[in-house]
Amino acid sequence: MVAQIVKAAGRTGRAPLLILGAFERVGSNWVSDQLRASMQQHNEPFRQQLGVEHPLSALNPRPDSELTALNRHHLACALHDLHGSERHAVKETNLFFASRSVTGLLPESPVLVLTRAPLGIASSFERGGLWQRWAYAERYLGLARTARTPRWRDWSPLLPLDDPQPPVALARMIAVNALLLAEALRADLAGCGRPLAHLPYERHVSAPEDVRSGLARFLGVPVAAPSGMPKRGDGGDFDTSRPKSELVAELPASSAALVHHHVATSLARATAIVDAATVKTASHWLAGDDEYELREPYERTRRRVAVPMQAGSRLPSVGYRRSGLSPVTWRNLLISNLEMAATAEESTPCGFPPGGQELDAAAEALPAPTTATGRANTSGPQATTPTSTPTVFFTTAPGHRAAADRAGEENEGTGVPGHAASQRLLGDA
């Protein structure tokens, strides 16, 4: 299915940069902020903007189900739009069982893998109350159900249905996502595929200038210091305008011990599921707990947040409201890609052209989204001509393709050689 969609996309232009997270809270906001002036960005289109029922949604409990014909057409058009004369960036975290499909949809895209030590991730969840706010208990149950479908049943021992405590469930999910991503990128990590760089969060804190210069060399675009996302509350985890200078994990000692133990246990059990190289890569990505200073958490003043919807809750009804005296009405819910596809399916018997030409023309007339939290930001200055200097501050696996495949790509700035995939960032050469 993936190969057919890629072929139907008829891609022209440069493949987008794939920014992939080994989990949530790995510094992706920092990276996005630094690249915002250089390239258009698409924030988690496969995870947030596909309906739960979509086979390529990371929330779908049956990711091996089939797409309808119009869904395939819609996805092919979306892939085509991601390739342009200027490189775009597509950021995805927590793809889980959709990792292989999503990376397969963009086979020529250079990859930037963002990682963070599990204690740092758990601390961020603790600080922001993210386990409850983002309904991660339900997410764990959904992943466990997926791991019991025929295609993925080998993974069920890593996601047991034993009513785990939040630190235990979080540790298991961190390990599973890192393993699935490492498996999906196995050929690239071995230096036999696309260009790939690894950026640990800890390096972003300890040497931000080196990270920016390394990003510029890898991508061939200017990388600016973060201008800052809008400040929230005490300027905590989502604020990129305040640089961090220390690595602190604010966790109860008991929770920290559970996270560390269950990540290690999951990685050990994975040797029966994936090859040793994949386990080694995931272990490398999830190293660094010892770099954090453990502190007891303290109560913070939090802004009021929406309560996450629980399983079985009644979905809100779609409605429209008028704003002031304007004739424009606003819908109260976002329109998902699945709804768009369903609308087009229902319109076909009424004479809607199967190729979707009128829909494409209408879409082209709409202004591009520009908000920091939307699908894309306006593109900034034209990329500078990349150099052939090796990527010094990133763990990279250089691409090896036939000369014919490399023709016309001399100035893309992502095929430069770098350190071997087994090396850590800076100081391991």
Protein backbone atom coordinates (compact mmCIF):
# COMPACT_ATOMS: atom_id res chain seq x y z
CA MET A 1 0.00 0.00 0.00
CA VAL A 2 2.74 2.48 0.97
CA ALA A 3 4.72 1.86 -2.23
CA GLN A 4 1.60 2.46 -4.34
CA ILE A 5 0.86 5.75 -2.60
CA VAL A 6 4.46 6.95 -2.99
CA LYS A 7 4.32 6.14 -6.70
CA ALA A 8 0.96 7.89 -7.13
CA ALA A 9 2.25 11.05 -5.42
CA GLY A 10 4.38 11.92 -8.47
CA ARG A 11 6.83 13.84 -6.31
CA THR A 12 8.73 16.81 -7.72
CA GLY A 13 11.13 19.08 -5.88
CA ARG A 14 13.09 18.46 -2.71
CA ALA A 15 11.97 15.87 -0.20
CA PRO A 16 11.02 17.34 3.19
CA LEU A 17 13.12 17.01 6.30
CA LEU A 18 11.69 14.42 8.69
CA ILE A 19 12.11 15.44 12.34
CA LEU A 20 11.33 12.31 14.33
CA GLY A 21 11.18 12.04 18.10
CA ALA A 22 12.11 8.96 20.07
CA PHE A 23 9.23 10.15 22.28
CA GLU A 24 7.47 13.33 23.39
CA ARG A 25 9.37 16.13 25.15
CA VAL A 26 12.66 15.63 23.34
CA GLY A 27 13.33 19.24 22.33
CA SER A 28 11.25 19.35 19.15
CA ASN A 29 9.86 22.80 20.04
CA TRP A 30 13.41 24.13 20.24
CA VAL A 31 14.33 22.69 16.87
CA SER A 32 11.14 23.94 15.24
CA ASP A 33 11.69 27.42 16.61
CA GLN A 34 15.25 27.51 15.26
CA LEU A 35 14.18 26.36 11.78
CA ARG A 36 11.03 28.46 11.55
CA ALA A 37 12.67 31.23 9.53
CA SER A 38 14.28 28.79 7.09
CA MET A 39 11.59 26.33 6.08
CA GLN A 40 7.88 25.69 6.20
CA GLN A 41 6.90 23.27 8.94
CA HIS A 42 4.16 20.68 9.30
CA ASN A 43 3.46 19.75 12.90
CA GLU A 44 2.59 16.08 13.36
CA PRO A 45 0.32 15.70 10.30
CA PHE A 46 0.21 11.90 10.65
CA ARG A 47 -0.40 11.85 14.40
CA GLN A 48 -2.64 14.85 15.03
CA GLN A 49 -4.34 15.56 11.73
CA LEU A 50 -5.42 12.10 10.63
CA GLY A 51 -8.58 10.69 12.15
CA VAL A 52 -8.17 7.84 14.63
CA GLU A 53 -9.66 5.42 12.09
CA HIS A 54 -7.04 6.27 9.46
CA PRO A 55 -4.58 3.37 8.94
CA LEU A 56 -1.60 5.73 9.13
CA SER A 57 -2.71 7.38 12.36
CA ALA A 58 -0.51 6.48 15.31
CA LEU A 59 -3.73 6.33 17.36
CA ASN A 60 -5.36 3.66 15.20
CA PRO A 61 -5.55 0.30 17.03
CA ARG A 62 -5.47 -1.44 13.61
CA PRO A 63 -2.76 0.38 11.60
CA ASP A 64 -2.65 -2.43 9.04
CA SER A 65 -6.21 -1.76 7.80
CA GLU A 66 -6.73 -0.63 4.21
CA LEU A 67 -7.26 2.87 2.87
CA THR A 68 -10.21 3.66 0.61
CA ALA A 69 -9.46 4.78 -2.94
CA LEU A 70 -10.15 8.44 -2.16
CA ASN A 71 -8.14 8.26 1.05
CA ARG A 72 -5.19 7.02 -1.01
CA HIS A 73 -5.70 9.87 -3.49
CA HIS A 74 -5.87 12.42 -0.66
CA LEU A 75 -2.68 11.08 0.93
CA ALA A 76 -0.85 11.05 -2.42
CA CYS A 77 -1.79 14.72 -2.95
CA ALA A 78 -0.56 15.59 0.54
CA LEU A 79 2.77 13.87 -0.11
CA HIS A 80 3.13 15.70 -3.41
CA ASP A 81 2.59 19.03 -1.64
CA LEU A 82 5.36 18.27 0.88
CA HIS A 83 7.93 18.28 -1.94
CA GLY A 84 8.83 21.73 -3.19
CA SER A 85 11.58 23.93 -4.56
CA GLU A 86 12.30 24.90 -0.93
CA ARG A 87 12.65 22.11 1.61
CA HIS A 88 9.79 21.69 4.09
CA ALA A 89 10.04 20.13 7.55
CA VAL A 90 7.67 17.46 8.87
CA LYS A 91 7.80 16.89 12.63
CA GLU A 92 6.46 13.68 14.13
CA THR A 93 6.81 12.28 17.65
CA ASN A 94 5.41 9.05 19.02
CA LEU A 95 4.54 7.33 15.77
CA PHE A 96 4.72 3.91 17.46
CA PHE A 97 3.31 1.25 15.11
CA ALA A 98 2.93 3.78 12.28
CA SER A 99 6.72 4.42 12.21
CA ARG A 100 7.47 2.05 9.35
CA SER A 101 4.62 3.33 7.16
CA VAL A 102 5.34 7.03 7.71
CA THR A 103 9.08 6.74 7.06
CA GLY A 104 8.27 4.63 4.00
CA LEU A 105 6.02 7.37 2.61
CA LEU A 106 9.00 9.75 2.51
CA PRO A 107 11.87 7.45 1.47
CA GLU A 108 14.14 10.25 0.18
CA SER A 109 13.72 12.58 3.15
CA PRO A 110 16.74 13.28 5.34
CA VAL A 111 16.01 12.41 8.97
CA LEU A 112 16.79 14.25 12.19
CA VAL A 113 16.18 11.99 15.21
CA LEU A 114 15.56 13.81 18.50
CA THR A 115 16.14 11.88 21.71
CA ARG A 116 16.21 12.43 25.46
CA ALA A 117 17.08 10.34 28.49
CA PRO A 118 13.97 8.68 30.00
CA LEU A 119 14.35 10.50 33.34
CA GLY A 120 14.25 13.83 31.49
CA ILE A 121 11.10 12.80 29.62
CA ALA A 122 9.44 11.57 32.82
CA SER A 123 10.38 14.81 34.58
CA SER A 124 8.75 16.86 31.83
CA PHE A 125 5.59 14.76 32.17
CA GLU A 126 5.64 15.29 35.94
CA ARG A 127 6.19 19.05 35.68
CA GLY A 128 3.40 19.58 33.18
CA GLY A 129 0.93 16.99 34.46
CA LEU A 130 1.03 15.57 30.97
CA TRP A 131 0.07 12.01 31.85
CA GLN A 132 -3.40 13.24 32.80
CA ARG A 133 -3.64 16.18 30.40
CA TRP A 134 -2.76 14.10 27.35
CA ALA A 135 -4.72 11.01 28.47
CA TYR A 136 -1.71 8.73 28.37
CA ALA A 137 -3.42 5.96 30.35
CA GLU A 138 -5.84 5.58 27.44
CA ARG A 139 -2.94 5.78 25.02
CA TYR A 140 -1.20 2.89 26.76
CA LEU A 141 -4.33 0.75 26.54
CA GLY A 142 -4.68 1.54 22.84
CA LEU A 143 -1.09 0.54 22.16
CA ALA A 144 -1.51 -2.65 24.16
CA ARG A 145 -4.55 -3.54 22.05
CA THR A 146 -2.59 -2.87 18.86
CA ALA A 147 0.19 -5.13 20.13
CA ARG A 148 -2.35 -7.95 20.29
CA THR A 149 -3.39 -7.74 16.64
CA PRO A 150 -1.95 -10.42 14.31
CA ARG A 151 0.62 -8.15 12.67
CA TRP A 152 2.10 -6.80 15.91
CA ARG A 153 1.51 -9.60 18.43
CA ASP A 154 5.27 -10.14 18.92
CA TRP A 155 5.31 -6.80 20.74
CA SER A 156 2.66 -7.73 23.32
CA PRO A 157 5.20 -8.82 25.99
CA LEU A 158 6.50 -5.23 26.07
CA LEU A 159 3.00 -3.79 26.70
CA PRO A 160 1.35 -6.12 29.23
CA LEU A 161 -2.20 -5.41 30.39
CA ASP A 162 -1.34 -5.43 34.09
CA ASP A 163 -2.77 -2.04 35.14
CA PRO A 164 0.69 -0.46 35.44
CA GLN A 165 1.45 2.63 37.48
CA PRO A 166 1.99 5.76 35.32
CA PRO A 167 5.83 5.73 35.65
CA VAL A 168 5.90 2.06 34.62
CA ALA A 169 3.56 2.52 31.66
CA LEU A 170 5.45 5.65 30.54
CA ALA A 171 8.79 3.80 30.67
CA ARG A 172 7.41 0.95 28.57
CA MET A 173 6.01 3.35 25.98
CA ILE A 174 9.31 5.25 25.78
CA ALA A 175 11.19 2.01 25.08
CA VAL A 176 8.64 0.67 22.58
CA ASN A 177 8.51 3.86 20.51
CA ALA A 178 12.32 4.11 20.39
CA LEU A 179 12.56 0.46 19.31
CA LEU A 180 9.90 0.81 16.60
CA LEU A 181 11.56 3.95 15.24
CA ALA A 182 15.02 2.35 15.28
CA GLU A 183 13.62 -0.66 13.43
CA ALA A 184 11.96 1.57 10.80
CA LEU A 185 15.25 3.43 10.23
CA ARG A 186 17.50 0.36 10.40
CA ALA A 187 18.89 0.67 6.85
CA ASP A 188 19.48 4.41 7.25
CA LEU A 189 21.28 3.92 10.56
CA ALA A 190 23.54 1.37 8.87
CA GLY A 191 24.57 3.98 6.29
CA CYS A 192 22.68 2.31 3.43
CA GLY A 193 19.89 4.81 2.96
CA ARG A 194 19.01 8.44 3.47
CA PRO A 195 21.14 10.96 5.39
CA LEU A 196 20.42 10.78 9.11
CA ALA A 197 21.51 12.83 12.13
CA HIS A 198 20.92 12.26 15.84
CA LEU A 199 20.43 15.18 18.23
CA PRO A 200 20.16 14.38 21.97
CA TYR A 201 18.24 16.87 24.08
CA GLU A 202 21.12 16.90 26.57
CA ARG A 203 23.45 18.26 23.90
CA HIS A 204 20.97 21.02 23.13
CA VAL A 205 21.23 22.15 26.76
CA SER A 206 24.99 21.84 27.20
CA ALA A 207 26.15 23.29 23.85
CA PRO A 208 23.37 25.20 22.03
CA GLU A 209 25.76 27.09 19.74
CA ASP A 210 27.39 23.86 18.58
CA VAL A 211 23.95 22.40 17.93
CA ARG A 212 22.92 25.36 15.78
CA SER A 213 26.09 25.24 13.71
CA GLY A 214 25.74 21.48 13.32
CA LEU A 215 22.13 21.84 12.17
CA ALA A 216 23.15 24.48 9.64
CA ARG A 217 25.82 22.19 8.17
CA PHE A 218 23.53 19.17 8.05
CA LEU A 219 20.61 20.99 6.44
CA GLY A 220 22.35 23.70 4.44
CA VAL A 221 20.06 26.41 5.81
CA PRO A 222 20.61 29.26 8.28
CA VAL A 223 19.69 28.29 11.84
CA ALA A 224 18.79 31.15 14.16
CA ALA A 225 18.76 31.26 17.94
CA PRO A 226 15.28 30.48 19.30
CA SER A 227 12.98 33.48 19.26
CA GLY A 228 10.69 31.78 21.74
CA MET A 229 7.24 30.22 21.67
CA PRO A 230 4.56 32.20 23.54
CA LYS A 231 5.29 32.14 27.25
CA ARG A 232 3.00 29.97 29.36
CA GLY A 233 2.66 30.18 33.10
CA ASP A 234 6.10 30.17 34.68
CA GLY A 235 7.88 29.83 31.33
CA GLY A 236 8.25 26.09 31.80
CA ASP A 237 8.46 23.15 29.44
CA PHE A 238 6.84 24.76 26.39
CA ASP A 239 8.75 28.04 26.50
CA THR A 240 11.74 28.08 24.14
CA SER A 241 12.62 31.72 24.80
CA ARG A 242 14.45 30.89 28.03
CA PRO A 243 17.56 28.77 27.48
CA LYS A 244 18.12 25.90 29.89
CA SER A 245 21.55 25.57 31.45
CA GLU A 246 21.24 22.46 33.62
CA LEU A 247 19.82 18.98 33.41
CA VAL A 248 17.43 18.42 36.29
CA ALA A 249 14.85 15.64 36.68
CA GLU A 250 12.12 16.70 39.07
CA LEU A 251 10.77 13.30 40.07
CA PRO A 252 10.15 11.39 43.28
CA ALA A 253 13.04 8.97 43.77
CA SER A 254 10.62 6.02 43.64
CA SER A 255 9.24 7.13 40.25
CA ALA A 256 12.73 7.69 38.86
CA ALA A 257 13.74 4.17 39.91
CA LEU A 258 10.65 2.69 38.23
CA VAL A 259 11.27 4.57 34.97
CA HIS A 260 14.94 3.58 34.80
CA HIS A 261 14.23 -0.07 35.65
CA HIS A 262 11.34 -0.62 33.25
CA VAL A 263 13.05 1.04 30.29
CA ALA A 264 16.01 -1.31 30.83
CA THR A 265 13.67 -4.30 31.24
CA SER A 266 11.79 -3.49 28.03
CA LEU A 267 15.01 -3.12 26.06
CA ALA A 268 16.24 -6.46 27.38
CA ARG A 269 12.99 -8.21 26.41
CA ALA A 270 13.16 -6.67 22.93
CA THR A 271 16.09 -8.92 22.01
CA ALA A 272 13.48 -11.62 21.33
CA ILE A 273 11.57 -9.34 18.93
CA VAL A 274 14.09 -7.29 16.93
CA ASP A 275 17.73 -7.71 15.96
CA ALA A 276 20.61 -6.76 18.22
CA ALA A 277 21.51 -3.66 16.17
CA THR A 278 18.02 -2.20 16.67
CA VAL A 279 18.17 -2.79 20.43
CA LYS A 280 21.62 -1.22 20.55
CA THR A 281 20.39 1.88 18.69
CA ALA A 282 17.36 2.30 20.95
CA SER A 283 19.55 1.82 24.03
CA HIS A 284 21.93 4.48 22.71
CA TRP A 285 19.07 6.91 22.13
CA LEU A 286 17.70 6.34 25.64
CA ALA A 287 21.02 6.66 27.48
CA GLY A 288 21.90 9.60 29.69
CA ASP A 289 19.87 9.18 32.88
CA ASP A 290 23.10 9.65 34.82
CA GLU A 291 23.51 13.18 33.36
CA TYR A 292 20.47 14.44 35.31
CA GLU A 293 20.40 15.75 38.85
CA LEU A 294 17.39 14.24 40.62
CA ARG A 295 15.28 16.66 42.66
CA GLU A 296 11.97 16.31 44.43
CA PRO A 297 9.19 18.03 42.48
CA TYR A 298 7.48 21.10 43.92
CA GLU A 299 4.03 22.51 43.37
CA ARG A 300 3.72 25.05 40.55
CA THR A 301 0.99 27.50 39.77
CA ARG A 302 -0.67 26.11 36.68
CA ARG A 303 -2.96 27.77 34.24
CA ARG A 304 -6.33 26.13 33.77
CA VAL A 305 -6.26 23.41 31.12
CA ALA A 306 -8.95 21.44 29.38
CA VAL A 307 -9.75 18.05 30.88
CA PRO A 308 -8.82 15.30 28.40
CA MET A 309 -11.66 13.29 26.95
CA GLN A 310 -11.90 9.80 28.39
CA ALA A 311 -12.74 6.62 26.51
CA GLY A 312 -16.49 6.19 26.14
CA SER A 313 -17.16 9.93 26.53
CA ARG A 314 -19.75 11.47 24.26
CA LEU A 315 -18.11 13.39 21.43
CA PRO A 316 -18.99 17.09 21.19
CA SER A 317 -21.46 17.98 18.47
CA VAL A 318 -20.26 19.94 15.46
CA GLY A 319 -21.60 23.47 15.54
CA TYR A 320 -21.09 26.88 13.95
CA ARG A 321 -21.19 30.31 15.56
CA ARG A 322 -21.14 33.85 14.23
CA SER A 323 -18.43 36.26 15.39
CA GLY A 324 -19.74 39.80 15.93
CA LEU A 325 -21.37 41.41 12.92
CA SER A 326 -19.31 39.43 10.43
CA PRO A 327 -21.27 37.12 8.09
CA VAL A 328 -18.58 34.47 8.60
CA THR A 329 -19.45 31.57 10.91
CA TRP A 330 -16.83 29.51 12.71
CA ARG A 331 -16.89 25.77 13.27
CA ASN A 332 -16.25 24.65 16.83
CA LEU A 333 -14.19 21.58 15.85
CA LEU A 334 -11.26 21.12 13.47
CA ILE A 335 -11.92 19.27 10.22
CA SER A 336 -9.89 16.07 10.03
CA ASN A 337 -8.43 14.63 6.85
CA LEU A 338 -10.75 11.65 7.31
CA GLU A 339 -13.80 13.95 7.21
CA MET A 340 -12.50 15.59 4.04
CA ALA A 341 -12.06 12.20 2.39
CA ALA A 342 -15.54 11.08 3.50
CA THR A 343 -17.07 14.29 2.12
CA ALA A 344 -15.37 13.76 -1.22
CA GLU A 345 -16.49 10.11 -1.29
CA GLU A 346 -20.10 11.16 -0.75
CA SER A 347 -19.81 13.92 -3.37
CA THR A 348 -18.59 11.59 -6.15
CA PRO A 349 -22.06 10.18 -7.07
CA CYS A 350 -23.30 13.78 -7.41
CA GLY A 351 -20.86 14.52 -10.23
CA PHE A 352 -17.80 15.51 -8.27
CA PRO A 353 -14.80 14.70 -10.55
CA PRO A 354 -12.94 11.60 -9.31
CA GLY A 355 -9.60 13.30 -9.88
CA GLY A 356 -10.52 16.07 -7.46
CA GLN A 357 -9.52 18.90 -9.82
CA GLU A 358 -12.11 21.32 -8.46
CA LEU A 359 -11.14 20.51 -4.88
CA ASP A 360 -7.48 21.10 -5.72
CA ALA A 361 -8.32 24.45 -7.35
CA ALA A 362 -10.34 25.51 -4.31
CA ALA A 363 -7.54 24.49 -1.99
CA GLU A 364 -5.00 26.50 -3.96
CA ALA A 365 -7.13 29.62 -3.49
CA LEU A 366 -6.97 29.34 0.30
CA PRO A 367 -4.22 31.18 2.21
CA ALA A 368 -1.48 29.01 3.67
CA PRO A 369 -1.65 28.52 7.46
CA THR A 370 0.80 30.71 9.35
CA THR A 371 0.33 30.07 13.06
CA ALA A 372 3.08 28.48 15.10
CA THR A 373 0.77 25.69 16.22
CA GLY A 374 -0.75 24.97 12.81
CA ARG A 375 0.44 22.79 9.97
CA ALA A 376 2.97 25.19 8.53
CA ASN A 377 4.66 28.51 9.04
CA THR A 378 5.48 30.93 6.25
CA SER A 379 8.79 30.21 4.66
CA GLY A 380 11.69 32.49 5.51
CA PRO A 381 14.81 33.52 3.65
CA GLN A 382 16.09 31.41 0.82
CA ALA A 383 18.42 28.64 1.94
CA THR A 384 22.11 29.36 1.65
CA THR A 385 24.27 27.14 -0.49
CA PRO A 386 25.22 24.21 1.73
CA THR A 387 28.82 23.24 2.26
CA SER A 388 30.42 19.84 1.90
CA THR A 389 31.91 20.05 5.40
CA PRO A 390 31.21 16.88 7.38
CA THR A 391 28.60 17.10 10.11
CA VAL A 392 30.82 17.39 13.14
CA PHE A 393 28.39 17.71 16.02
CA PHE A 394 25.80 15.13 15.07
CA THR A 395 25.68 11.38 15.03
CA THR A 396 25.10 10.72 11.35
CA ALA A 397 24.73 7.88 8.92
CA PRO A 398 25.61 9.12 5.40
CA GLY A 399 23.41 8.17 2.48
CA HIS A 400 24.77 5.75 -0.12
CA ARG A 401 22.86 5.85 -3.39
CA ALA A 402 23.69 5.28 -7.00
CA ALA A 403 25.19 8.18 -8.91
CA ALA A 404 22.07 8.48 -11.04
CA ASP A 405 19.94 8.93 -7.91
CA ARG A 406 22.27 11.65 -6.66
CA ALA A 407 22.20 13.65 -9.88
CA GLY A 408 20.91 17.16 -9.37
CA GLU A 409 21.25 16.95 -5.57
CA GLU A 410 24.72 18.36 -5.13
CA ASN A 411 23.52 21.38 -3.18
CA GLU A 412 20.94 19.79 -0.92
CA GLY A 413 23.19 19.93 2.11
CA THR A 414 22.07 16.63 3.65
CA GLY A 415 24.21 14.01 1.99
CA VAL A 416 27.44 15.02 3.66
CA PRO A 417 29.39 12.34 5.48
CA GLY A 418 29.61 12.36 9.26
CA HIS A 419 30.38 10.25 12.29
CA ALA A 420 29.40 6.60 12.44
CA ALA A 421 25.95 5.86 13.83
CA SER A 422 27.37 4.26 16.95
CA GLN A 423 29.06 7.46 18.14
CA ARG A 424 27.65 9.93 20.61
CA LEU A 425 27.36 13.62 19.82
CA LEU A 426 30.63 15.56 20.23
CA GLY A 427 33.69 14.21 21.96
CA ASP A 428 33.42 10.60 20.74
CA ALA A 429 35.33 10.99 17.48
